């Protein structure tokens, strides 16, 4: 391996890993190269990895993992780095296993409505690859133009259309996984649904890279809906818009998507790349989409228009064509990034609440904003109660980062207090570890970490993520072991 002479470091682990991936260009180890990997979309915390390796196939992933396991080297997998909860941040000087070279669409089976992809395959590329044949992939996170399906599996990503079609776990039929010891297993072989035994697909999807590294994914693809229409509705107060959301669902309509933005969020999206002319003084906008058999769509649209009018809508309109619909959605999907147009920094949260609690929770979030002195924009999947409060702050101002973190935590506490939870699609990562105690007891946390230890007994794979710092759960485990010894 003559290329190893190009590796200019005395770290022998770097040389060994370079040998596994077969090229000096498939490993990064210099500080200036590693800086791009010190965080993901959660930029408040940053830590340098020890190295980044770029395997080309499952066998190389397994060999890298086995080497790390045998040499007690912490490691983690990384996709596009768009995660918003810090799940890919190398807290422990990890070897990062980047999946970006594993980006092929391996197979499309239209007859059985499934496709097989590698983990580095970009979400939107799947729909673009099959749309001309009349099919699409339903999960559509806002970052779908660049996020990878492997990362979506790790975080159980959602998106605007998850109200009707579900999140990533509802579309996963099979996984090839490298376990933390380097063993390769296949779950849901050939995409057969409802295999007997434990639901390992459900367990691994959303496990945030703590149980294994996904190297191949079989997904469900859907036939394009026959018809589709989109409505935009403006409200002079958030309470009316919130009540319209509940009324639409209670009327028996299940929209494909039902999105809401408040005044601060509207200010951001109108100042950014895809303005559509939302009124500057409006308090809330709803973006509602229905799809399905063409014959029933007009009736649903009329019902939606009637509901909006009954809730004091200022203006409500139906997209005239696909181009207008596309502009409305581009405006909404750039919502997070658009906050950069009105604030130097922002922290996005990801709570879930019962729809009926929307007015109460939004009022409480507004109170948190006033008490903290920080603006909070609200962009969310209103139909399924998945809120995204965006706390706007300036990290250059001493103390504002800490204020933002506290405000974000308080928003999640409100969600938990009304019967909701702390994440709907972004994951826990490092951002919400301590907030796990808002929804789980120490005994429940201990039970979950027991599951992790079955897969990841040395805790080398993505350690320090998902669960809170050791507390009473450690004592519980000691008590359980002492009791078992008796």
Protein backbone atom coordinates (compact mmCIF):
# COMPACT_ATOMS: atom_id res chain seq x y z
CA UNK A 1 0.00 0.00 0.00
CA UNK A 2 2.30 2.70 -1.29
CA UNK A 3 -0.31 5.39 -0.71
CA UNK A 4 0.20 5.05 3.07
CA UNK A 5 3.39 7.07 2.65
CA UNK A 6 1.13 10.04 1.91
CA UNK A 7 -0.30 9.86 5.45
CA UNK A 8 1.68 12.45 7.43
CA UNK A 9 0.94 11.53 11.04
CA UNK A 10 2.42 9.30 13.72
CA UNK A 11 -1.03 8.07 14.71
CA UNK A 12 -0.90 4.41 13.71
CA UNK A 13 -4.66 4.08 13.94
CA UNK A 14 -4.94 6.57 11.08
CA UNK A 15 -2.60 4.44 8.98
CA UNK A 16 -4.59 1.28 9.75
CA UNK A 17 -7.91 2.92 8.90
CA UNK A 18 -6.50 4.34 5.67
CA UNK A 19 -5.44 0.82 4.76
CA UNK A 20 -9.01 -0.39 5.28
CA UNK A 21 -10.60 2.25 3.03
CA UNK A 22 -7.80 1.85 0.50
CA UNK A 23 -6.82 5.44 -0.21
CA UNK A 24 -5.20 8.44 1.44
CA UNK A 25 -8.02 10.50 -0.05
CA UNK A 26 -10.59 8.46 1.88
CA UNK A 27 -9.47 9.66 5.28
CA UNK A 28 -9.14 13.09 6.89
CA UNK A 29 -7.00 13.69 9.97
CA UNK A 30 -5.56 17.22 9.75
CA UNK A 31 -7.20 19.83 11.96
CA UNK A 32 -8.00 22.14 9.09
CA UNK A 33 -9.87 19.31 7.35
CA UNK A 34 -11.67 18.17 10.50
CA UNK A 35 -13.16 21.58 11.28
CA UNK A 36 -16.03 20.94 8.86
CA UNK A 37 -17.05 17.95 10.98
CA UNK A 38 -17.05 19.49 14.46
CA UNK A 39 -20.86 19.85 14.51
CA UNK A 40 -24.01 19.15 12.54
CA UNK A 41 -27.02 21.47 12.19
CA UNK A 42 -26.91 22.02 15.97
CA UNK A 43 -24.03 24.49 15.97
CA UNK A 44 -24.03 25.58 19.60
CA UNK A 45 -21.67 22.74 20.59
CA UNK A 46 -18.55 21.87 18.58
CA UNK A 47 -16.00 19.08 19.04
CA UNK A 48 -13.29 17.87 16.66
CA UNK A 49 -13.24 14.21 15.63
CA UNK A 50 -10.05 12.18 15.63
CA UNK A 51 -10.47 11.40 11.95
CA UNK A 52 -13.10 11.04 9.23
CA UNK A 53 -13.14 7.95 7.01
CA UNK A 54 -15.12 7.50 3.79
CA UNK A 55 -15.94 3.84 3.15
CA UNK A 56 -17.29 2.84 -0.26
CA UNK A 57 -19.32 -0.23 0.70
CA UNK A 58 -20.72 -2.30 3.55
CA UNK A 59 -17.61 -4.43 3.86
CA UNK A 60 -15.40 -1.40 4.42
CA UNK A 61 -17.85 -0.02 7.00
CA UNK A 62 -17.79 -3.34 8.83
CA UNK A 63 -13.99 -3.49 8.73
CA UNK A 64 -13.67 0.06 10.12
CA UNK A 65 -16.20 -0.69 12.87
CA UNK A 66 -14.48 -3.95 13.78
CA UNK A 67 -11.12 -2.19 14.02
CA UNK A 68 -12.58 0.51 16.26
CA UNK A 69 -14.30 -2.11 18.42
CA UNK A 70 -11.13 -4.15 18.87
CA UNK A 71 -9.02 -1.09 19.68
CA UNK A 72 -11.58 0.68 21.92
CA UNK A 73 -11.80 3.67 19.59
CA UNK A 74 -15.03 5.70 19.88
CA UNK A 75 -16.81 6.07 16.52
CA UNK A 76 -20.04 7.31 14.94
CA UNK A 77 -21.74 7.45 11.56
CA UNK A 78 -22.55 10.69 9.75
CA UNK A 79 -24.71 11.45 6.72
CA UNK A 80 -25.11 14.94 5.32
CA UNK A 81 -24.74 16.61 8.72
CA UNK A 82 -28.15 18.32 8.52
CA UNK A 83 -29.38 16.91 11.85
CA UNK A 84 -30.66 19.57 14.26
CA UNK A 85 -30.09 17.92 17.64
CA UNK A 86 -26.33 17.26 17.68
CA UNK A 87 -26.56 13.56 16.95
CA UNK A 88 -23.46 13.59 14.72
CA UNK A 89 -21.26 15.76 16.95
CA UNK A 90 -18.08 13.85 17.98
CA UNK A 91 -18.19 14.43 21.73
CA UNK A 92 -15.52 11.81 22.45
CA UNK A 93 -12.90 12.48 19.75
CA UNK A 94 -14.60 9.83 17.61
CA UNK A 95 -13.63 8.34 14.31
CA UNK A 96 -16.42 9.62 12.06
CA UNK A 97 -17.59 7.12 9.47
CA UNK A 98 -18.99 9.30 6.70
CA UNK A 99 -21.54 7.57 4.47
CA UNK A 100 -21.46 10.11 1.63
CA UNK A 101 -19.67 7.79 -0.83
CA UNK A 102 -22.38 5.15 -0.38
CA UNK A 103 -24.95 7.07 -2.42
CA UNK A 104 -26.37 4.68 -5.01
CA UNK A 105 -29.96 3.85 -5.89
CA UNK A 106 -29.50 0.09 -5.99
CA UNK A 107 -32.88 -1.14 -7.19
CA UNK A 108 -36.39 0.04 -8.01
CA UNK A 109 -39.23 -2.51 -7.88
CA UNK A 110 -42.36 -0.74 -9.13
CA UNK A 111 -44.43 -3.91 -9.13
CA UNK A 112 -43.96 -4.30 -5.37
CA UNK A 113 -43.66 -0.55 -4.75
CA UNK A 114 -40.28 -0.51 -3.11
CA UNK A 115 -36.75 0.71 -3.73
CA UNK A 116 -33.35 -0.12 -2.27
CA UNK A 117 -30.87 2.67 -1.57
CA UNK A 118 -27.52 3.16 0.14
CA UNK A 119 -27.54 5.40 3.24
CA UNK A 120 -25.85 8.35 1.52
CA UNK A 121 -28.58 8.61 -1.11
CA UNK A 122 -30.24 12.05 -0.88
CA UNK A 123 -33.92 12.00 0.07
CA UNK A 124 -35.30 14.14 -2.77
CA UNK A 125 -33.25 12.29 -5.40
CA UNK A 126 -35.38 9.20 -4.82
CA UNK A 127 -38.59 10.99 -5.78
CA UNK A 128 -36.83 12.70 -8.68
CA UNK A 129 -35.56 9.32 -9.90
CA UNK A 130 -39.01 7.69 -10.02
CA UNK A 131 -41.44 10.58 -10.57
CA UNK A 132 -41.57 10.18 -14.36
CA UNK A 133 -42.78 6.61 -13.78
CA UNK A 134 -45.57 7.88 -11.56
CA UNK A 135 -44.11 7.21 -8.10
CA UNK A 136 -42.61 9.12 -5.20
CA UNK A 137 -41.10 8.71 -1.72
CA UNK A 138 -43.35 10.25 0.92
CA UNK A 139 -41.11 11.40 3.84
CA UNK A 140 -40.19 15.00 3.02
CA UNK A 141 -38.17 16.82 5.71
CA UNK A 142 -37.46 20.45 4.90
CA UNK A 143 -33.83 19.54 4.22
CA UNK A 144 -34.84 16.84 1.73
CA UNK A 145 -32.83 18.45 -1.07
CA UNK A 146 -29.61 17.54 0.78
CA UNK A 147 -30.35 15.20 3.74
CA UNK A 148 -29.69 11.49 3.29
CA UNK A 149 -32.08 8.60 3.74
CA UNK A 150 -29.61 6.93 6.11
CA UNK A 151 -29.74 10.00 8.34
CA UNK A 152 -33.54 10.03 8.04
CA UNK A 153 -33.61 6.45 9.35
CA UNK A 154 -31.35 7.34 12.27
CA UNK A 155 -33.55 10.27 13.34
CA UNK A 156 -36.91 8.89 12.15
CA UNK A 157 -37.33 12.10 10.17
CA UNK A 158 -40.76 13.44 9.33
CA UNK A 159 -41.77 16.33 7.13
CA UNK A 160 -44.72 18.41 6.05
CA UNK A 161 -46.70 15.48 4.64
CA UNK A 162 -46.31 13.16 7.63
CA UNK A 163 -49.82 14.09 8.85
CA UNK A 164 -51.35 11.80 6.23
CA UNK A 165 -48.46 9.58 5.22
CA UNK A 166 -46.47 9.08 8.42
CA UNK A 167 -42.79 9.51 9.24
CA UNK A 168 -39.75 7.54 8.06
CA UNK A 169 -40.50 4.43 10.13
CA UNK A 170 -43.80 4.00 8.24
CA UNK A 171 -41.87 3.63 4.98
CA UNK A 172 -38.98 1.35 5.95
CA UNK A 173 -39.29 -2.28 4.82
CA UNK A 174 -35.77 -3.56 5.40
CA UNK A 175 -32.32 -2.62 6.66
CA UNK A 176 -28.79 -3.91 6.32
CA UNK A 177 -26.95 -2.93 9.50
CA UNK A 178 -23.39 -3.12 10.77
CA UNK A 179 -23.50 -3.80 14.51
CA UNK A 180 -21.03 -2.08 16.88
CA UNK A 181 -18.75 -5.14 16.81
CA UNK A 182 -18.52 -5.16 13.00
CA UNK A 183 -21.05 -7.94 12.39
CA UNK A 184 -23.39 -7.43 9.41
CA UNK A 185 -27.07 -8.31 9.81
CA UNK A 186 -30.10 -7.98 7.55
CA UNK A 187 -33.56 -7.16 8.90
CA UNK A 188 -36.68 -7.37 6.79
CA UNK A 189 -35.02 -9.38 4.06
CA UNK A 190 -36.44 -8.71 0.58
CA UNK A 191 -38.72 -6.06 2.04
CA UNK A 192 -41.25 -8.53 3.41
CA UNK A 193 -43.57 -6.70 5.79
CA UNK A 194 -44.59 -7.90 9.27
CA UNK A 195 -41.92 -10.51 9.86
CA UNK A 196 -42.44 -12.58 13.02
CA UNK A 197 -40.41 -11.80 16.12
CA UNK A 198 -39.40 -8.50 17.64
CA UNK A 199 -39.86 -5.31 15.64
CA UNK A 200 -36.18 -4.62 15.08
CA UNK A 201 -36.93 -2.29 12.17
CA UNK A 202 -38.95 -0.12 14.54
CA UNK A 203 -36.24 -0.28 17.19
CA UNK A 204 -33.40 0.72 14.86
CA UNK A 205 -35.34 3.45 13.05
CA UNK A 206 -34.99 6.50 15.26
CA UNK A 207 -32.26 5.00 17.46
CA UNK A 208 -30.02 7.96 16.48
CA UNK A 209 -27.02 5.90 15.49
CA UNK A 210 -26.53 4.33 18.93
CA UNK A 211 -27.41 0.70 18.05
CA UNK A 212 -25.80 0.16 14.66
CA UNK A 213 -24.84 1.73 11.33
CA UNK A 214 -27.30 1.32 8.46
CA UNK A 215 -25.66 0.42 5.15
CA UNK A 216 -28.63 -0.49 2.94
CA UNK A 217 -32.29 0.54 3.14
CA UNK A 218 -35.40 -0.91 1.51
CA UNK A 219 -38.12 1.74 1.40
CA UNK A 220 -41.77 1.83 0.42
CA UNK A 221 -42.60 4.01 -2.58
CA UNK A 222 -46.07 5.33 -3.38
CA UNK A 223 -48.06 6.01 -6.54
CA UNK A 224 -48.43 9.69 -7.31
CA UNK A 225 -51.84 10.95 -6.17
CA UNK A 226 -54.35 11.48 -8.96
CA UNK A 227 -55.09 15.04 -7.85
CA UNK A 228 -53.69 17.69 -5.53
CA UNK A 229 -54.74 21.18 -4.42
CA UNK A 230 -53.18 23.66 -2.00
CA UNK A 231 -54.79 26.42 0.05
CA UNK A 232 -53.19 29.49 1.65
CA UNK A 233 -55.10 31.19 4.48
CA UNK A 234 -54.23 34.40 6.36
CA UNK A 235 -55.43 35.09 9.92
CA UNK A 236 -55.30 38.26 11.99
CA UNK A 237 -54.66 36.31 15.18
CA UNK A 238 -52.93 33.04 15.96
CA UNK A 239 -55.84 31.72 18.03
CA UNK A 240 -58.20 31.78 15.03
CA UNK A 241 -55.62 30.04 12.85
CA UNK A 242 -55.01 27.42 15.55
CA UNK A 243 -58.71 26.75 15.96
CA UNK A 244 -59.10 26.40 12.20
CA UNK A 245 -56.50 23.61 12.30
CA UNK A 246 -58.55 21.64 14.85
CA UNK A 247 -61.80 22.32 12.99
CA UNK A 248 -60.40 21.03 9.68
CA UNK A 249 -59.32 17.74 11.26
CA UNK A 250 -62.50 17.32 13.30
CA UNK A 251 -64.58 17.82 10.14
CA UNK A 252 -63.23 14.49 8.92
CA UNK A 253 -60.65 15.81 6.46
CA UNK A 254 -57.10 14.47 6.75
CA UNK A 255 -54.98 16.84 4.65
CA UNK A 256 -51.73 15.63 3.16
CA UNK A 257 -50.17 18.62 4.92
CA UNK A 258 -51.35 21.35 7.28
CA UNK A 259 -48.61 23.88 8.06
CA UNK A 260 -48.63 27.09 10.08
CA UNK A 261 -46.27 30.07 10.47
CA UNK A 262 -46.64 33.01 12.83
CA UNK A 263 -45.78 36.67 12.24
CA UNK A 264 -42.09 36.42 13.14
CA UNK A 265 -41.64 33.37 10.94
CA UNK A 266 -43.42 35.14 8.08
CA UNK A 267 -41.05 38.09 8.46
CA UNK A 268 -38.13 35.69 8.05
CA UNK A 269 -39.38 33.79 5.00
CA UNK A 270 -40.36 37.01 3.26
CA UNK A 271 -36.87 38.44 3.82
CA UNK A 272 -35.13 35.34 2.47
CA UNK A 273 -34.82 33.55 -0.86
CA UNK A 274 -38.44 32.71 -1.76
CA UNK A 275 -40.82 35.57 -0.81
CA UNK A 276 -44.41 35.18 -2.00
CA UNK A 277 -45.91 38.45 -0.77
CA UNK A 278 -47.43 37.50 2.57
CA UNK A 279 -49.01 40.62 4.18
CA UNK A 280 -46.55 42.24 6.58
CA UNK A 281 -49.16 42.75 9.30
CA UNK A 282 -50.61 39.22 9.25
CA UNK A 283 -50.35 37.18 12.48
CA UNK A 284 -50.58 33.65 11.07
CA UNK A 285 -50.65 31.79 7.77
CA UNK A 286 -51.90 28.27 7.13
CA UNK A 287 -50.67 26.19 4.18
CA UNK A 288 -53.07 23.30 3.59
CA UNK A 289 -52.73 20.59 0.96
CA UNK A 290 -55.14 17.79 0.06
CA UNK A 291 -54.50 14.99 -2.39
CA UNK A 292 -56.05 11.75 -3.59
CA UNK A 293 -58.76 10.83 -6.09
CA UNK A 294 -59.60 13.90 -8.15
CA UNK A 295 -63.35 13.43 -7.80
CA UNK A 296 -63.34 14.20 -4.06
CA UNK A 297 -60.79 16.99 -3.83
CA UNK A 298 -62.99 19.96 -4.78
CA UNK A 299 -65.46 19.03 -2.04
CA UNK A 300 -62.66 18.88 0.55
CA UNK A 301 -61.33 22.25 -0.58
CA UNK A 302 -64.79 23.81 -0.18
CA UNK A 303 -65.03 22.41 3.34
CA UNK A 304 -61.61 23.85 4.20
CA UNK A 305 -62.56 27.25 2.81
CA UNK A 306 -65.78 27.18 4.85
CA UNK A 307 -63.88 26.31 8.05
CA UNK A 308 -61.35 29.10 7.50
CA UNK A 309 -64.09 31.66 6.86
CA UNK A 310 -65.89 30.59 10.03
CA UNK A 311 -62.70 31.40 11.95
CA UNK A 312 -62.38 35.00 10.76
CA UNK A 313 -59.87 34.38 8.00
CA UNK A 314 -58.72 37.63 6.36
CA UNK A 315 -58.01 36.01 3.02
CA UNK A 316 -58.03 32.44 1.75
CA UNK A 317 -57.05 31.30 -1.73
CA UNK A 318 -56.40 28.15 -3.74
CA UNK A 319 -53.20 27.76 -5.78
CA UNK A 320 -53.97 28.55 -9.42
CA UNK A 321 -51.39 26.15 -10.83
CA UNK A 322 -48.40 23.98 -9.99
CA UNK A 323 -46.02 26.93 -10.29
CA UNK A 324 -47.85 28.91 -7.61
CA UNK A 325 -48.13 25.84 -5.39
CA UNK A 326 -44.38 25.30 -5.80
CA UNK A 327 -43.64 28.91 -4.74
CA UNK A 328 -45.76 28.56 -1.61
CA UNK A 329 -43.99 25.37 -0.61
CA UNK A 330 -40.52 26.76 -1.35
CA UNK A 331 -41.36 29.68 0.92
CA UNK A 332 -42.39 27.32 3.74
CA UNK A 333 -39.60 24.76 3.36
CA UNK A 334 -36.86 27.38 3.64
CA UNK A 335 -38.38 28.59 6.91
CA UNK A 336 -35.58 27.49 9.23
CA UNK A 337 -32.74 28.85 7.12
CA UNK A 338 -34.72 32.02 6.50
CA UNK A 339 -34.29 32.99 10.14
CA UNK A 340 -30.73 33.94 9.22
CA UNK A 341 -32.22 36.92 7.37
CA UNK A 342 -33.59 38.41 10.60
CA UNK A 343 -31.27 37.05 13.32
CA UNK A 344 -27.54 36.27 13.61
CA UNK A 345 -28.30 32.93 15.31
CA UNK A 346 -31.28 30.73 16.07
CA UNK A 347 -32.09 27.56 17.98
CA UNK A 348 -34.87 25.35 16.60
CA UNK A 349 -36.92 23.16 18.92
CA UNK A 350 -39.13 20.20 18.07
CA UNK A 351 -41.96 19.54 20.51
CA UNK A 352 -45.23 17.69 19.96
CA UNK A 353 -48.59 18.51 21.51
CA UNK A 354 -52.25 17.52 21.15
CA UNK A 355 -53.80 19.72 18.43
CA UNK A 356 -56.45 20.97 20.86
CA UNK A 357 -53.70 22.55 22.97
CA UNK A 358 -52.31 24.74 20.18
CA UNK A 359 -53.75 28.09 21.37
CA UNK A 360 -52.68 27.44 24.98
CA UNK A 361 -49.16 26.34 24.07
CA UNK A 362 -48.54 29.15 21.60
CA UNK A 363 -49.66 31.67 24.23
CA UNK A 364 -47.23 30.15 26.71
CA UNK A 365 -44.38 30.22 24.17
CA UNK A 366 -45.12 33.90 23.59
CA UNK A 367 -44.86 34.42 27.35
CA UNK A 368 -41.49 32.63 27.40
CA UNK A 369 -40.35 34.96 24.62
CA UNK A 370 -41.38 38.05 26.60
CA UNK A 371 -39.77 36.80 29.82
CA UNK A 372 -36.48 35.87 28.12
CA UNK A 373 -36.30 39.01 25.99
CA UNK A 374 -35.71 36.83 22.90
CA UNK A 375 -37.93 36.64 19.84
CA UNK A 376 -39.41 33.21 19.14
CA UNK A 377 -40.71 32.39 15.67
CA UNK A 378 -43.13 29.49 15.28
CA UNK A 379 -43.09 27.27 12.19
CA UNK A 380 -44.80 23.94 12.58
CA UNK A 381 -46.70 20.95 11.27
CA UNK A 382 -49.95 22.12 12.81
CA UNK A 383 -51.98 19.14 11.63
CA UNK A 384 -50.14 16.67 13.84
CA UNK A 385 -49.14 19.11 16.57
CA UNK A 386 -45.40 19.05 15.80
CA UNK A 387 -44.14 22.49 16.85
CA UNK A 388 -40.88 24.16 15.86
CA UNK A 389 -40.28 27.22 18.06
CA UNK A 390 -37.21 29.03 16.71
CA UNK A 391 -35.46 31.00 19.43
CA UNK A 392 -33.65 33.97 17.85
CA UNK A 393 -30.49 35.22 19.54
CA UNK A 394 -27.05 36.70 19.00
CA UNK A 395 -24.20 34.48 20.18
CA UNK A 396 -21.88 37.51 20.21
CA UNK A 397 -23.84 38.98 23.12
CA UNK A 398 -22.60 37.48 26.42
CA UNK A 399 -25.27 35.28 28.00
CA UNK A 400 -27.65 35.16 25.03
CA UNK A 401 -26.73 31.61 24.02
CA UNK A 402 -27.50 30.39 27.52
CA UNK A 403 -30.77 32.35 27.48
CA UNK A 404 -31.72 30.73 24.18
CA UNK A 405 -31.01 27.24 25.48
CA UNK A 406 -33.09 27.90 28.59
CA UNK A 407 -35.96 29.32 26.54
CA UNK A 408 -35.87 26.29 24.23
CA UNK A 409 -35.96 23.92 27.21
CA UNK A 410 -38.93 25.81 28.68
CA UNK A 411 -40.80 25.44 25.37
CA UNK A 412 -40.29 21.68 25.54
CA UNK A 413 -41.44 21.61 29.16
CA UNK A 414 -44.69 23.29 28.11
CA UNK A 415 -45.18 20.61 25.44
CA UNK A 416 -44.61 17.82 27.95
CA UNK A 417 -46.88 19.43 30.54
CA UNK A 418 -49.89 19.44 28.19
CA UNK A 419 -49.50 15.75 27.36
CA UNK A 420 -47.06 16.01 24.47
CA UNK A 421 -43.41 15.13 24.09
CA UNK A 422 -40.00 16.66 23.36
CA UNK A 423 -39.32 15.61 19.78
CA UNK A 424 -41.35 14.68 16.76
CA UNK A 425 -38.71 14.34 14.04
CA UNK A 426 -35.39 16.02 14.91
CA UNK A 427 -34.28 13.51 17.54
CA UNK A 428 -32.79 13.98 21.00
CA UNK A 429 -29.06 13.92 20.24
CA UNK A 430 -27.23 16.02 22.80
CA UNK A 431 -29.66 18.93 22.61
CA UNK A 432 -32.55 17.32 24.52
CA UNK A 433 -30.82 14.68 26.65
CA UNK A 434 -31.76 16.21 29.98
CA UNK A 435 -35.25 17.04 28.72
CA UNK A 436 -35.85 13.28 28.36
CA UNK A 437 -36.67 13.50 32.07
CA UNK A 438 -39.72 15.62 31.18
CA UNK A 439 -41.37 12.53 29.67
CA UNK A 440 -39.61 9.47 31.18
CA UNK A 441 -38.99 8.29 34.72
CA UNK A 442 -35.51 7.16 35.77
CA UNK A 443 -36.74 3.55 35.63
CA UNK A 444 -37.92 4.02 32.04
CA UNK A 445 -34.61 5.60 31.04
CA UNK A 446 -32.74 2.71 32.67
CA UNK A 447 -34.81 0.21 30.68
CA UNK A 448 -33.93 1.96 27.43
CA UNK A 449 -30.22 2.13 28.17
CA UNK A 450 -30.38 -1.60 28.93
CA UNK A 451 -31.55 -2.12 25.34
CA UNK A 452 -28.65 -0.01 24.07
CA UNK A 453 -26.17 -2.11 26.04
CA UNK A 454 -27.37 -5.29 24.32
CA UNK A 455 -26.37 -3.86 20.93
CA UNK A 456 -23.57 -1.55 22.04
CA UNK A 457 -22.07 -3.04 25.24
CA UNK A 458 -18.78 -1.13 25.05
CA UNK A 459 -20.67 2.11 24.35
CA UNK A 460 -18.18 3.07 21.67
CA UNK A 461 -20.83 3.89 19.06
CA UNK A 462 -22.11 7.48 19.36
CA UNK A 463 -21.73 7.60 23.13
CA UNK A 464 -23.28 10.44 25.11
CA UNK A 465 -26.33 10.83 22.87
CA UNK A 466 -30.06 10.36 23.38
CA UNK A 467 -30.11 9.68 27.13
CA UNK A 468 -29.49 12.08 30.04
CA UNK A 469 -26.40 12.12 32.21
CA UNK A 470 -26.27 9.23 34.70
CA UNK A 471 -28.53 9.79 37.66
CA UNK A 472 -30.94 7.67 39.53
CA UNK A 473 -30.99 5.19 36.60
CA UNK A 474 -27.45 4.07 37.51
CA UNK A 475 -28.56 3.32 41.07
CA UNK A 476 -31.58 1.44 39.71
CA UNK A 477 -29.34 -0.82 37.60
CA UNK A 478 -27.08 -1.52 40.59
CA UNK A 479 -30.13 -2.42 42.67
CA UNK A 480 -31.42 -4.73 39.93
CA UNK A 481 -28.06 -6.51 39.63
CA UNK A 482 -27.82 -6.90 43.42
CA UNK A 483 -31.33 -8.31 43.53
CA UNK A 484 -30.55 -10.76 40.71
CA UNK A 485 -27.42 -11.95 42.56
CA UNK A 486 -29.60 -12.92 45.54
